[in-house]
C-alpha cells in the first residue's frame, strides 16, 4: 500500500461503479455524485458490480493515480447503495484491500489480566 500523507481522507462510494471507467470518469463521479474535489489529495474508492474489483483514485500533487485490485477469492466488503458515502481510516483501507471486513475486525486475543 502507498504511504498516504497525514490528514488524507479515504472516501468509499457506496453501491457499485462501472469498472470500465478510467481517470476522468471516476474524477467526475467523485465530484458530482460524492460532492468531493477529486484534486484534494484524498483517496476515492469504487467497487465493481461483482464485488471482486476495486479502484482507488488519488491526486498525489502531480497528477491523478489510479490503482486497481482484484481479489481471486472472496469479495470486498462495501456499504449499501442507500448509505451514499463512507469515510475510512488508513487502517480500515488496508483491511479492505486485504479482503477483511473492515467494519467489525475480530481481534485474535483479548487481554484478561494486567500484570
PDB file of N, CA and C in Angstrom:
ATOM      1  N   UNK A   1       0.850  -1.183   0.000  1.00  0.00           N
ATOM      2  CA  UNK A   1       0.000   0.000   0.000  1.00  0.00           C
ATOM      3  C   UNK A   1       0.886   1.234   0.000  1.00  0.00           C
ATOM      4  N   UNK A   2       0.441   2.262  -0.676  1.00  0.00           N
ATOM      5  CA  UNK A   2       1.157   3.524  -0.735  1.00  0.00           C
ATOM      6  C   UNK A   2       1.069   4.240   0.603  1.00  0.00           C
ATOM      7  N   UNK A   3       2.091   5.005   0.922  1.00  0.00           N
ATOM      8  CA  UNK A   3       2.067   5.787   2.144  1.00  0.00           C
ATOM      9  C   UNK A   3       1.324   7.086   1.898  1.00  0.00           C
ATOM     10  N   UNK A   4       0.209   7.264   2.559  1.00  0.00           N
ATOM     11  CA  UNK A   4      -0.597   8.464   2.368  1.00  0.00           C
ATOM     12  C   UNK A   4      -0.145   9.562   3.321  1.00  0.00           C
ATOM     13  N   UNK A   5      -0.162  10.812   2.871  1.00  0.00           N
ATOM     14  CA  UNK A   5       0.179  11.917   3.759  1.00  0.00           C
ATOM     15  C   UNK A   5      -0.797  12.025   4.922  1.00  0.00           C
ATOM     16  N   UNK A   6      -0.338  12.581   6.029  1.00  0.00           N
ATOM     17  CA  UNK A   6      -1.207  12.779   7.192  1.00  0.00           C
ATOM     18  C   UNK A   6      -2.376  13.682   6.804  1.00  0.00           C
ATOM     19  N   UNK A   7      -3.534  13.363   7.320  1.00  0.00           N
ATOM     20  CA  UNK A   7      -4.721  14.162   7.040  1.00  0.00           C
ATOM     21  C   UNK A   7      -5.482  13.748   5.796  1.00  0.00           C
ATOM     22  N   UNK A   8      -4.984  12.729   5.099  1.00  0.00           N
ATOM     23  CA  UNK A   8      -5.672  12.245   3.903  1.00  0.00           C
ATOM     24  C   UNK A   8      -6.923  11.486   4.315  1.00  0.00           C
ATOM     25  N   UNK A   9      -8.041  11.821   3.715  1.00  0.00           N
ATOM     26  CA  UNK A   9      -9.291  11.113   3.986  1.00  0.00           C
ATOM     27  C   UNK A   9      -9.519  10.091   2.891  1.00  0.00           C
ATOM     28  N   UNK A  10     -10.197   9.020   3.252  1.00  0.00           N
ATOM     29  CA  UNK A  10     -10.476   7.935   2.313  1.00  0.00           C
ATOM     30  C   UNK A  10     -11.987   7.816   2.197  1.00  0.00           C
ATOM     31  N   UNK A  11     -12.488   8.077   0.996  1.00  0.00           N
ATOM     32  CA  UNK A  11     -13.923   8.087   0.738  1.00  0.00           C
ATOM     33  C   UNK A  11     -14.312   6.853  -0.057  1.00  0.00           C
ATOM     34  N   UNK A  12     -15.335   6.133   0.392  1.00  0.00           N
ATOM     35  CA  UNK A  12     -15.884   4.992  -0.336  1.00  0.00           C
ATOM     36  C   UNK A  12     -17.195   5.409  -0.977  1.00  0.00           C
ATOM     37  N   UNK A  13     -17.297   5.199  -2.278  1.00  0.00           N
ATOM     38  CA  UNK A  13     -18.556   5.452  -2.980  1.00  0.00           C
ATOM     39  C   UNK A  13     -19.442   4.230  -2.780  1.00  0.00           C
ATOM     40  N   UNK A  14     -20.537   4.388  -2.052  1.00  0.00           N
ATOM     41  CA  UNK A  14     -21.429   3.271  -1.780  1.00  0.00           C
ATOM     42  C   UNK A  14     -22.065   2.782  -3.071  1.00  0.00           C
ATOM     43  N   UNK A  15     -22.460   1.527  -3.071  1.00  0.00           N
ATOM     44  CA  UNK A  15     -23.047   0.941  -4.268  1.00  0.00           C
ATOM     45  C   UNK A  15     -21.969   0.474  -5.227  1.00  0.00           C
ATOM     46  N   UNK A  16     -22.356   0.287  -6.480  1.00  0.00           N
ATOM     47  CA  UNK A  16     -21.410  -0.223  -7.476  1.00  0.00           C
ATOM     48  C   UNK A  16     -21.094   0.839  -8.511  1.00  0.00           C
ATOM     49  N   UNK A  17     -19.949   0.649  -9.168  1.00  0.00           N
ATOM     50  CA  UNK A  17     -19.468   1.558 -10.201  1.00  0.00           C
ATOM     51  C   UNK A  17     -19.101   0.739 -11.424  1.00  0.00           C
ATOM     52  N   UNK A  18     -19.296   1.299 -12.588  1.00  0.00           N
ATOM     53  CA  UNK A  18     -18.881   0.665 -13.839  1.00  0.00           C
ATOM     54  C   UNK A  18     -17.349   0.655 -13.872  1.00  0.00           C
ATOM     55  N   UNK A  19     -16.754  -0.517 -13.813  1.00  0.00           N
ATOM     56  CA  UNK A  19     -15.303  -0.633 -13.731  1.00  0.00           C
ATOM     57  C   UNK A  19     -14.593  -0.370 -15.064  1.00  0.00           C
ATOM     58  N   UNK A  20     -15.344  -0.062 -16.113  1.00  0.00           N
ATOM     59  CA  UNK A  20     -14.712   0.364 -17.364  1.00  0.00           C
ATOM     60  C   UNK A  20     -14.270   1.813 -17.287  1.00  0.00           C
ATOM     61  N   UNK A  21     -14.732   2.530 -16.256  1.00  0.00           N
ATOM     62  CA  UNK A  21     -14.385   3.944 -16.094  1.00  0.00           C
ATOM     63  C   UNK A  21     -12.912   4.096 -15.760  1.00  0.00           C
ATOM     64  N   UNK A  22     -12.346   5.177 -16.264  1.00  0.00           N
ATOM     65  CA  UNK A  22     -10.941   5.481 -16.023  1.00  0.00           C
ATOM     66  C   UNK A  22     -10.782   6.740 -15.197  1.00  0.00           C
ATOM     67  N   UNK A  23      -9.616   7.376 -15.348  1.00  0.00           N
ATOM     68  CA  UNK A  23      -9.268   8.567 -14.566  1.00  0.00           C
ATOM     69  C   UNK A  23     -10.365   9.629 -14.596  1.00  0.00           C
ATOM     70  N   UNK A  24     -10.698  10.085 -15.782  1.00  0.00           N
ATOM     71  CA  UNK A  24     -11.608  11.221 -15.919  1.00  0.00           C
ATOM     72  C   UNK A  24     -13.020  10.902 -15.447  1.00  0.00           C
ATOM     73  N   UNK A  25     -13.549   9.748 -15.834  1.00  0.00           N
ATOM     74  CA  UNK A  25     -14.916   9.387 -15.441  1.00  0.00           C
ATOM     75  C   UNK A  25     -15.035   9.207 -13.936  1.00  0.00           C
ATOM     76  N   UNK A  26     -14.030   8.609 -13.302  1.00  0.00           N
ATOM     77  CA  UNK A  26     -14.076   8.437 -11.851  1.00  0.00           C
ATOM     78  C   UNK A  26     -13.910   9.777 -11.131  1.00  0.00           C
ATOM     79  N   UNK A  27     -13.092  10.671 -11.694  1.00  0.00           N
ATOM     80  CA  UNK A  27     -12.939  12.006 -11.104  1.00  0.00           C
ATOM     81  C   UNK A  27     -14.256  12.772 -11.175  1.00  0.00           C
ATOM     82  N   UNK A  28     -14.960  12.654 -12.298  1.00  0.00           N
ATOM     83  CA  UNK A  28     -16.272  13.296 -12.431  1.00  0.00           C
ATOM     84  C   UNK A  28     -17.253  12.693 -11.436  1.00  0.00           C
ATOM     85  N   UNK A  29     -17.214  11.384 -11.249  1.00  0.00           N
ATOM     86  CA  UNK A  29     -18.109  10.740 -10.293  1.00  0.00           C
ATOM     87  C   UNK A  29     -17.810  11.202  -8.873  1.00  0.00           C
ATOM     88  N   UNK A  30     -16.538  11.335  -8.523  1.00  0.00           N
ATOM     89  CA  UNK A  30     -16.180  11.832  -7.186  1.00  0.00           C
ATOM     90  C   UNK A  30     -16.715  13.240  -6.988  1.00  0.00           C
ATOM     91  N   UNK A  31     -16.675  14.041  -8.041  1.00  0.00           N
ATOM     92  CA  UNK A  31     -17.104  15.437  -7.940  1.00  0.00           C
ATOM     93  C   UNK A  31     -18.626  15.578  -7.930  1.00  0.00           C
ATOM     94  N   UNK A  32     -19.317  14.874  -8.814  1.00  0.00           N
ATOM     95  CA  UNK A  32     -20.760  15.067  -8.929  1.00  0.00           C
ATOM     96  C   UNK A  32     -21.559  14.204  -7.962  1.00  0.00           C
ATOM     97  N   UNK A  33     -21.237  12.921  -7.879  1.00  0.00           N
ATOM     98  CA  UNK A  33     -22.020  12.002  -7.042  1.00  0.00           C
ATOM     99  C   UNK A  33     -21.645  12.146  -5.571  1.00  0.00           C
ATOM    100  N   UNK A  34     -20.342  12.153  -5.283  1.00  0.00           N
ATOM    101  CA  UNK A  34     -19.899  12.235  -3.889  1.00  0.00           C
ATOM    102  C   UNK A  34     -19.841  13.670  -3.382  1.00  0.00           C
ATOM    103  N   UNK A  35     -19.789  14.636  -4.299  1.00  0.00           N
ATOM    104  CA  UNK A  35     -19.709  16.035  -3.899  1.00  0.00           C
ATOM    105  C   UNK A  35     -18.358  16.422  -3.327  1.00  0.00           C
ATOM    106  N   UNK A  36     -17.300  15.734  -3.747  1.00  0.00           N
ATOM    107  CA  UNK A  36     -15.951  15.986  -3.234  1.00  0.00           C
ATOM    108  C   UNK A  36     -15.032  16.422  -4.369  1.00  0.00           C
ATOM    109  N   UNK A  37     -13.967  17.125  -4.035  1.00  0.00           N
ATOM    110  CA  UNK A  37     -12.988  17.582  -5.021  1.00  0.00           C
ATOM    111  C   UNK A  37     -11.994  16.457  -5.297  1.00  0.00           C
ATOM    112  N   UNK A  38     -11.955  15.919  -6.526  1.00  0.00           N
ATOM    113  CA  UNK A  38     -11.031  14.818  -6.824  1.00  0.00           C
ATOM    114  C   UNK A  38      -9.563  15.224  -6.795  1.00  0.00           C
ATOM    115  N   UNK A  39      -9.291  16.537  -6.787  1.00  0.00           N
ATOM    116  CA  UNK A  39      -7.912  17.028  -6.762  1.00  0.00           C
ATOM    117  C   UNK A  39      -7.518  17.525  -5.380  1.00  0.00           C
ATOM    118  N   UNK A  40      -8.193  17.031  -4.350  1.00  0.00           N
ATOM    119  CA  UNK A  40      -7.955  17.472  -2.976  1.00  0.00           C
ATOM    120  C   UNK A  40      -6.824  16.709  -2.291  1.00  0.00           C
ATOM    121  N   UNK A  41      -6.381  15.605  -2.894  1.00  0.00           N
ATOM    122  CA  UNK A  41      -5.370  14.774  -2.245  1.00  0.00           C
ATOM    123  C   UNK A  41      -5.960  13.640  -1.442  1.00  0.00           C
ATOM    124  N   UNK A  42      -7.284  13.558  -1.409  1.00  0.00           N
ATOM    125  CA  UNK A  42      -7.946  12.458  -0.716  1.00  0.00           C
ATOM    126  C   UNK A  42      -8.084  11.268  -1.655  1.00  0.00           C
ATOM    127  N   UNK A  43      -8.355  10.101  -1.097  1.00  0.00           N
ATOM    128  CA  UNK A  43      -8.481   8.863  -1.869  1.00  0.00           C
ATOM    129  C   UNK A  43      -9.965   8.551  -2.042  1.00  0.00           C
ATOM    130  N   UNK A  44     -10.343   8.178  -3.268  1.00  0.00           N
ATOM    131  CA  UNK A  44     -11.721   7.816  -3.581  1.00  0.00           C
ATOM    132  C   UNK A  44     -11.734   6.368  -4.042  1.00  0.00           C
ATOM    133  N   UNK A  45     -12.574   5.551  -3.404  1.00  0.00           N
ATOM    134  CA  UNK A  45     -12.624   4.114  -3.680  1.00  0.00           C
ATOM    135  C   UNK A  45     -13.945   3.760  -4.340  1.00  0.00           C
ATOM    136  N   UNK A  46     -13.856   2.921  -5.363  1.00  0.00           N
ATOM    137  CA  UNK A  46     -15.016   2.487  -6.125  1.00  0.00           C
ATOM    138  C   UNK A  46     -14.963   0.967  -6.274  1.00  0.00           C
ATOM    139  N   UNK A  47     -16.131   0.311  -6.195  1.00  0.00           N
ATOM    140  CA  UNK A  47     -16.199  -1.145  -6.315  1.00  0.00           C
ATOM    141  C   UNK A  47     -17.077  -1.543  -7.480  1.00  0.00           C
ATOM    142  N   UNK A  48     -16.689  -2.612  -8.153  1.00  0.00           N
ATOM    143  CA  UNK A  48     -17.452  -3.127  -9.281  1.00  0.00           C
ATOM    144  C   UNK A  48     -18.670  -3.920  -8.850  1.00  0.00           C
ATOM    145  N   UNK A  49     -19.501  -4.264  -9.812  1.00  0.00           N
ATOM    146  CA  UNK A  49     -20.761  -4.954  -9.561  1.00  0.00           C
ATOM    147  C   UNK A  49     -20.555  -6.325  -8.920  1.00  0.00           C
ATOM    148  N   UNK A  50     -19.565  -7.092  -9.385  1.00  0.00           N
ATOM    149  CA  UNK A  50     -19.333  -8.431  -8.829  1.00  0.00           C
ATOM    150  C   UNK A  50     -18.710  -8.380  -7.446  1.00  0.00           C
ATOM    151  N   UNK A  51     -18.098  -7.267  -7.083  1.00  0.00           N
ATOM    152  CA  UNK A  51     -17.534  -7.122  -5.751  1.00  0.00           C
ATOM    153  C   UNK A  51     -16.114  -7.604  -5.595  1.00  0.00           C
ATOM    154  N   UNK A  52     -15.505  -8.102  -6.667  1.00  0.00           N
ATOM    155  CA  UNK A  52     -14.132  -8.601  -6.549  1.00  0.00           C
ATOM    156  C   UNK A  52     -13.094  -7.621  -7.096  1.00  0.00           C
ATOM    157  N   UNK A  53     -13.534  -6.460  -7.583  1.00  0.00           N
ATOM    158  CA  UNK A  53     -12.632  -5.464  -8.145  1.00  0.00           C
ATOM    159  C   UNK A  53     -12.877  -4.122  -7.484  1.00  0.00           C
ATOM    160  N   UNK A  54     -11.798  -3.458  -7.110  1.00  0.00           N
ATOM    161  CA  UNK A  54     -11.883  -2.133  -6.510  1.00  0.00           C
ATOM    162  C   UNK A  54     -10.870  -1.225  -7.211  1.00  0.00           C
ATOM    163  N   UNK A  55     -11.254   0.046  -7.390  1.00  0.00           N
ATOM    164  CA  UNK A  55     -10.353   1.050  -7.961  1.00  0.00           C
ATOM    165  C   UNK A  55     -10.248   2.201  -6.979  1.00  0.00           C
ATOM    166  N   UNK A  56      -9.024   2.715  -6.837  1.00  0.00           N
ATOM    167  CA  UNK A  56      -8.765   3.855  -5.966  1.00  0.00           C
ATOM    168  C   UNK A  56      -8.209   4.988  -6.809  1.00  0.00           C
ATOM    169  N   UNK A  57      -8.787   6.170  -6.649  1.00  0.00           N
ATOM    170  CA  UNK A  57      -8.363   7.361  -7.367  1.00  0.00           C
ATOM    171  C   UNK A  57      -7.747   8.314  -6.357  1.00  0.00           C
ATOM    172  N   UNK A  58      -6.537   8.828  -6.677  1.00  0.00           N
ATOM    173  CA  UNK A  58      -5.823   9.678  -5.721  1.00  0.00           C
ATOM    174  C   UNK A  58      -5.008  10.714  -6.474  1.00  0.00           C
ATOM    175  N   UNK A  59      -5.146  11.960  -6.072  1.00  0.00           N
ATOM    176  CA  UNK A  59      -4.336  13.054  -6.612  1.00  0.00           C
ATOM    177  C   UNK A  59      -3.122  13.191  -5.716  1.00  0.00           C
ATOM    178  N   UNK A  60      -1.914  12.938  -6.264  1.00  0.00           N
ATOM    179  CA  UNK A  60      -0.696  12.967  -5.446  1.00  0.00           C
ATOM    180  C   UNK A  60       0.011  14.314  -5.481  1.00  0.00           C
ATOM    181  N   UNK A  61      -0.584  15.301  -6.122  1.00  0.00           N
ATOM    182  CA  UNK A  61       0.021  16.625  -6.221  1.00  0.00           C
ATOM    183  C   UNK A  61       0.567  16.895  -7.612  1.00  0.00           C
ATOM    184  N   UNK A  62       0.902  15.852  -8.334  1.00  0.00           N
ATOM    185  CA  UNK A  62       1.423  15.988  -9.695  1.00  0.00           C
ATOM    186  C   UNK A  62       0.435  15.503 -10.743  1.00  0.00           C
ATOM    187  N   UNK A  63      -0.423  14.573 -10.354  1.00  0.00           N
ATOM    188  CA  UNK A  63      -1.381  14.002 -11.296  1.00  0.00           C
ATOM    189  C   UNK A  63      -2.256  12.988 -10.600  1.00  0.00           C
ATOM    190  N   UNK A  64      -3.260  12.531 -11.319  1.00  0.00           N
ATOM    191  CA  UNK A  64      -4.154  11.513 -10.768  1.00  0.00           C
ATOM    192  C   UNK A  64      -3.506  10.143 -10.863  1.00  0.00           C
ATOM    193  N   UNK A  65      -3.628   9.370  -9.796  1.00  0.00           N
ATOM    194  CA  UNK A  65      -3.157   7.991  -9.758  1.00  0.00           C
ATOM    195  C   UNK A  65      -4.391   7.097  -9.683  1.00  0.00           C
ATOM    196  N   UNK A  66      -4.376   6.020 -10.449  1.00  0.00           N
ATOM    197  CA  UNK A  66      -5.486   5.079 -10.442  1.00  0.00           C
ATOM    198  C   UNK A  66      -4.931   3.704 -10.114  1.00  0.00           C
ATOM    199  N   UNK A  67      -5.359   3.175  -8.976  1.00  0.00           N
ATOM    200  CA  UNK A  67      -4.921   1.861  -8.521  1.00  0.00           C
ATOM    201  C   UNK A  67      -6.099   0.900  -8.600  1.00  0.00           C
ATOM    202  N   UNK A  68      -5.823  -0.336  -8.973  1.00  0.00           N
ATOM    203  CA  UNK A  68      -6.877  -1.340  -9.055  1.00  0.00           C
ATOM    204  C   UNK A  68      -6.400  -2.612  -8.370  1.00  0.00           C
ATOM    205  N   UNK A  69      -7.346  -3.305  -7.735  1.00  0.00           N
ATOM    206  CA  UNK A  69      -7.042  -4.602  -7.144  1.00  0.00           C
ATOM    207  C   UNK A  69      -8.228  -5.521  -7.374  1.00  0.00           C
ATOM    208  N   UNK A  70      -7.914  -6.750  -7.790  1.00  0.00           N
ATOM    209  CA  UNK A  70      -8.940  -7.767  -7.977  1.00  0.00           C
ATOM    210  C   UNK A  70      -8.627  -8.918  -7.036  1.00  0.00           C
ATOM    211  N   UNK A  71      -9.611  -9.336  -6.261  1.00  0.00           N
ATOM    212  CA  UNK A  71      -9.446 -10.489  -5.384  1.00  0.00           C
ATOM    213  C   UNK A  71      -9.684 -11.758  -6.195  1.00  0.00           C
ATOM    214  N   UNK A  72      -8.827 -12.729  -6.028  1.00  0.00           N
ATOM    215  CA  UNK A  72      -9.007 -14.008  -6.714  1.00  0.00           C
ATOM    216  C   UNK A  72     -10.096 -14.838  -6.052  1.00  0.00           C
ATOM    217  N   UNK A  73     -10.249 -14.670  -4.728  1.00  0.00           N
ATOM    218  CA  UNK A  73     -11.325 -15.340  -3.982  1.00  0.00           C
ATOM    219  C   UNK A  73     -11.934 -14.339  -3.023  1.00  0.00           C
ATOM    220  N   UNK A  74     -13.231 -14.406  -2.872  1.00  0.00           N
ATOM    221  CA  UNK A  74     -13.911 -13.517  -1.940  1.00  0.00           C
ATOM    222  C   UNK A  74     -14.356 -12.218  -2.593  1.00  0.00           C
ATOM    223  N   UNK A  75     -14.932 -11.362  -1.772  1.00  0.00           N
ATOM    224  CA  UNK A  75     -15.469 -10.085  -2.220  1.00  0.00           C
ATOM    225  C   UNK A  75     -15.032  -8.988  -1.259  1.00  0.00           C
ATOM    226  N   UNK A  76     -14.946  -7.772  -1.779  1.00  0.00           N
ATOM    227  CA  UNK A  76     -14.667  -6.615  -0.942  1.00  0.00           C
ATOM    228  C   UNK A  76     -15.932  -6.252  -0.171  1.00  0.00           C
ATOM    229  N   UNK A  77     -15.792  -5.961   1.125  1.00  0.00           N
ATOM    230  CA  UNK A  77     -16.913  -5.555   1.967  1.00  0.00           C
ATOM    231  C   UNK A  77     -17.209  -4.093   1.646  1.00  0.00           C
ATOM    232  N   UNK A  78     -18.469  -3.807   1.348  1.00  0.00           N
ATOM    233  CA  UNK A  78     -18.831  -2.472   0.869  1.00  0.00           C
ATOM    234  C   UNK A  78     -20.142  -2.015   1.489  1.00  0.00           C
ATOM    235  N   UNK A  79     -20.304  -0.702   1.741  1.00  0.00           N
ATOM    236  CA  UNK A  79     -21.574  -0.211   2.280  1.00  0.00           C
ATOM    237  C   UNK A  79     -22.690  -0.310   1.238  1.00  0.00           C
ATOM    238  N   UNK A  80     -23.916  -0.374   1.718  1.00  0.00           N
ATOM    239  CA  UNK A  80     -25.070  -0.461   0.823  1.00  0.00           C
ATOM    240  C   UNK A  80     -25.225   0.835   0.027  1.00  0.00           C
ATOM    241  N   UNK A  81     -25.916   0.737  -1.103  1.00  0.00           N
ATOM    242  CA  UNK A  81     -26.085   1.880  -2.001  1.00  0.00           C
ATOM    243  C   UNK A  81     -26.818   3.047  -1.343  1.00  0.00           C
ATOM    244  N   UNK A  82     -27.746   2.767  -0.443  1.00  0.00           N
ATOM    245  CA  UNK A  82     -28.512   3.856   0.148  1.00  0.00           C
ATOM    246  C   UNK A  82     -27.717   4.647   1.186  1.00  0.00           C
ATOM    247  N   UNK A  83     -26.538   4.176   1.552  1.00  0.00           N
ATOM    248  CA  UNK A  83     -25.731   4.889   2.541  1.00  0.00           C
ATOM    249  C   UNK A  83     -24.908   6.017   1.930  1.00  0.00           C
ATOM    250  N   UNK A  84     -24.830   6.142   0.606  1.00  0.00           N
ATOM    251  CA  UNK A  84     -24.156   7.247  -0.057  1.00  0.00           C
ATOM    252  C   UNK A  84     -22.645   7.142  -0.074  1.00  0.00           C
ATOM    253  N   UNK A  85     -22.017   7.553   1.011  1.00  0.00           N
ATOM    254  CA  UNK A  85     -20.564   7.569   1.076  1.00  0.00           C
ATOM    255  C   UNK A  85     -20.118   7.188   2.485  1.00  0.00           C
ATOM    256  N   UNK A  86     -18.959   6.560   2.579  1.00  0.00           N
ATOM    257  CA  UNK A  86     -18.388   6.201   3.875  1.00  0.00           C
ATOM    258  C   UNK A  86     -16.962   6.733   3.941  1.00  0.00           C
ATOM    259  N   UNK A  87     -16.507   7.033   5.141  1.00  0.00           N
ATOM    260  CA  UNK A  87     -15.138   7.505   5.352  1.00  0.00           C
ATOM    261  C   UNK A  87     -14.384   6.427   6.105  1.00  0.00           C
ATOM    262  N   UNK A  88     -13.189   6.095   5.622  1.00  0.00           N
ATOM    263  CA  UNK A  88     -12.352   5.070   6.246  1.00  0.00           C
ATOM    264  C   UNK A  88     -11.075   5.678   6.802  1.00  0.00           C
ATOM    265  N   UNK A  89     -10.489   4.991   7.758  1.00  0.00           N
ATOM    266  CA  UNK A  89      -9.147   5.328   8.236  1.00  0.00           C
ATOM    267  C   UNK A  89      -8.148   4.583   7.354  1.00  0.00           C
ATOM    268  N   UNK A  90      -6.882   4.963   7.366  1.00  0.00           N
ATOM    269  CA  UNK A  90      -5.882   4.196   6.608  1.00  0.00           C
ATOM    270  C   UNK A  90      -5.826   2.725   7.031  1.00  0.00           C
ATOM    271  N   UNK A  91      -6.022   2.437   8.316  1.00  0.00           N
ATOM    272  CA  UNK A  91      -6.018   1.046   8.786  1.00  0.00           C
ATOM    273  C   UNK A  91      -7.199   0.278   8.199  1.00  0.00           C
ATOM    274  N   UNK A  92      -8.367   0.902   8.151  1.00  0.00           N
ATOM    275  CA  UNK A  92      -9.533   0.254   7.561  1.00  0.00           C
ATOM    276  C   UNK A  92      -9.340   0.022   6.066  1.00  0.00           C
ATOM    277  N   UNK A  93      -8.692   0.967   5.378  1.00  0.00           N
ATOM    278  CA  UNK A  93      -8.395   0.779   3.954  1.00  0.00           C
ATOM    279  C   UNK A  93      -7.481  -0.414   3.750  1.00  0.00           C
ATOM    280  N   UNK A  94      -6.483  -0.565   4.599  1.00  0.00           N
ATOM    281  CA  UNK A  94      -5.584  -1.720   4.495  1.00  0.00           C
ATOM    282  C   UNK A  94      -6.349  -3.022   4.672  1.00  0.00           C
ATOM    283  N   UNK A  95      -7.267  -3.053   5.649  1.00  0.00           N
ATOM    284  CA  UNK A  95      -8.076  -4.254   5.847  1.00  0.00           C
ATOM    285  C   UNK A  95      -8.971  -4.511   4.645  1.00  0.00           C
ATOM    286  N   UNK A  96      -9.586  -3.465   4.124  1.00  0.00           N
ATOM    287  CA  UNK A  96     -10.445  -3.600   2.953  1.00  0.00           C
ATOM    288  C   UNK A  96      -9.682  -4.215   1.788  1.00  0.00           C
ATOM    289  N   UNK A  97      -8.483  -3.714   1.525  1.00  0.00           N
ATOM    290  CA  UNK A  97      -7.693  -4.203   0.400  1.00  0.00           C
ATOM    291  C   UNK A  97      -7.200  -5.631   0.595  1.00  0.00           C
ATOM    292  N   UNK A  98      -7.191  -6.102   1.835  1.00  0.00           N
ATOM    293  CA  UNK A  98      -6.822  -7.494   2.117  1.00  0.00           C
ATOM    294  C   UNK A  98      -8.034  -8.424   2.100  1.00  0.00           C
ATOM    295  N   UNK A  99      -9.224  -7.855   1.889  1.00  0.00           N
ATOM    296  CA  UNK A  99     -10.429  -8.662   1.864  1.00  0.00           C
ATOM    297  C   UNK A  99     -11.007  -8.931   3.241  1.00  0.00           C
ATOM    298  N   UNK A 100     -10.573  -8.180   4.248  1.00  0.00           N
ATOM    299  CA  UNK A 100     -11.043  -8.337   5.629  1.00  0.00           C
ATOM    300  C   UNK A 100     -12.238  -7.407   5.844  1.00  0.00           C
ATOM    301  N   UNK A 101     -13.201  -7.844   6.641  1.00  0.00           N
ATOM    302  CA  UNK A 101     -14.350  -7.000   6.969  1.00  0.00           C
ATOM    303  C   UNK A 101     -13.874  -5.859   7.863  1.00  0.00           C
ATOM    304  N   UNK A 102     -13.707  -4.678   7.291  1.00  0.00           N
ATOM    305  CA  UNK A 102     -13.171  -3.514   7.994  1.00  0.00           C
ATOM    306  C   UNK A 102     -14.168  -2.911   8.970  1.00  0.00           C
ATOM    307  N   UNK A 103     -15.449  -3.301   8.878  1.00  0.00           N
ATOM    308  CA  UNK A 103     -16.460  -2.729   9.770  1.00  0.00           C
ATOM    309  C   UNK A 103     -16.388  -3.318  11.167  1.00  0.00           C
ATOM    310  N   UNK A 104     -16.059  -4.610  11.268  1.00  0.00           N
ATOM    311  CA  UNK A 104     -16.006  -5.296  12.559  1.00  0.00           C
ATOM    312  C   UNK A 104     -14.802  -6.238  12.594  1.00  0.00           C
ATOM    313  N   UNK A 105     -13.594  -5.702  12.682  1.00  0.00           N
ATOM    314  CA  UNK A 105     -12.449  -6.617  12.740  1.00  0.00           C
ATOM    315  C   UNK A 105     -12.467  -7.425  14.033  1.00  0.00           C
ATOM    316  N   UNK A 106     -12.112  -8.680  13.930  1.00  0.00           N
ATOM    317  CA  UNK A 106     -12.099  -9.569  15.086  1.00  0.00           C
ATOM    318  C   UNK A 106     -10.666  -9.683  15.587  1.00  0.00           C
ATOM    319  N   UNK A 107     -10.471  -9.361  16.837  1.00  0.00           N
ATOM    320  CA  UNK A 107      -9.149  -9.458  17.437  1.00  0.00           C
ATOM    321  C   UNK A 107      -8.871 -10.920  17.765  1.00  0.00           C
ATOM    322  N   UNK A 108      -7.600 -11.324  17.624  1.00  0.00           N
ATOM    323  CA  UNK A 108      -7.243 -12.714  17.859  1.00  0.00           C
ATOM    324  C   UNK A 108      -7.165 -13.051  19.342  1.00  0.00           C
ATOM    325  N   UNK A 109      -6.785 -12.100  20.173  1.00  0.00           N
ATOM    326  CA  UNK A 109      -6.684 -12.343  21.613  1.00  0.00           C
ATOM    327  C   UNK A 109      -7.051 -11.078  22.374  1.00  0.00           C
ATOM    328  N   UNK A 110      -7.732 -11.281  23.457  1.00  0.00           N
ATOM    329  CA  UNK A 110      -8.117 -10.169  24.316  1.00  0.00           C
ATOM    330  C   UNK A 110      -7.412 -10.347  25.651  1.00  0.00           C
ATOM    331  N   UNK A 111      -6.730  -9.314  26.173  1.00  0.00           N
ATOM    332  CA  UNK A 111      -6.047  -9.448  27.461  1.00  0.00           C
ATOM    333  C   UNK A 111      -7.057  -9.716  28.591  1.00  0.00           C
ATOM    334  N   UNK A 112      -6.649 -10.616  29.494  1.00  0.00           N
ATOM    335  CA  UNK A 112      -7.526 -10.973  30.596  1.00  0.00           C
ATOM    336  C   UNK A 112      -7.129 -10.211  31.858  1.00  0.00           C
ATOM    337  N   UNK A 113      -5.831 -10.225  32.176  1.00  0.00           N
ATOM    338  CA  UNK A 113      -5.324  -9.574  33.376  1.00  0.00           C
ATOM    339  C   UNK A 113      -4.131  -8.711  33.031  1.00  0.00           C
ATOM    340  N   UNK A 114      -3.991  -7.613  33.727  1.00  0.00           N
ATOM    341  CA  UNK A 114      -2.807  -6.783  33.573  1.00  0.00           C
ATOM    342  C   UNK A 114      -1.800  -7.198  34.631  1.00  0.00           C
ATOM    343  N   UNK A 115      -0.579  -7.492  34.178  1.00  0.00           N
ATOM    344  CA  UNK A 115       0.472  -7.811  35.140  1.00  0.00           C
ATOM    345  C   UNK A 115       0.721  -9.214  35.413  1.00  0.00           C
TER     346      UNK A 115
END
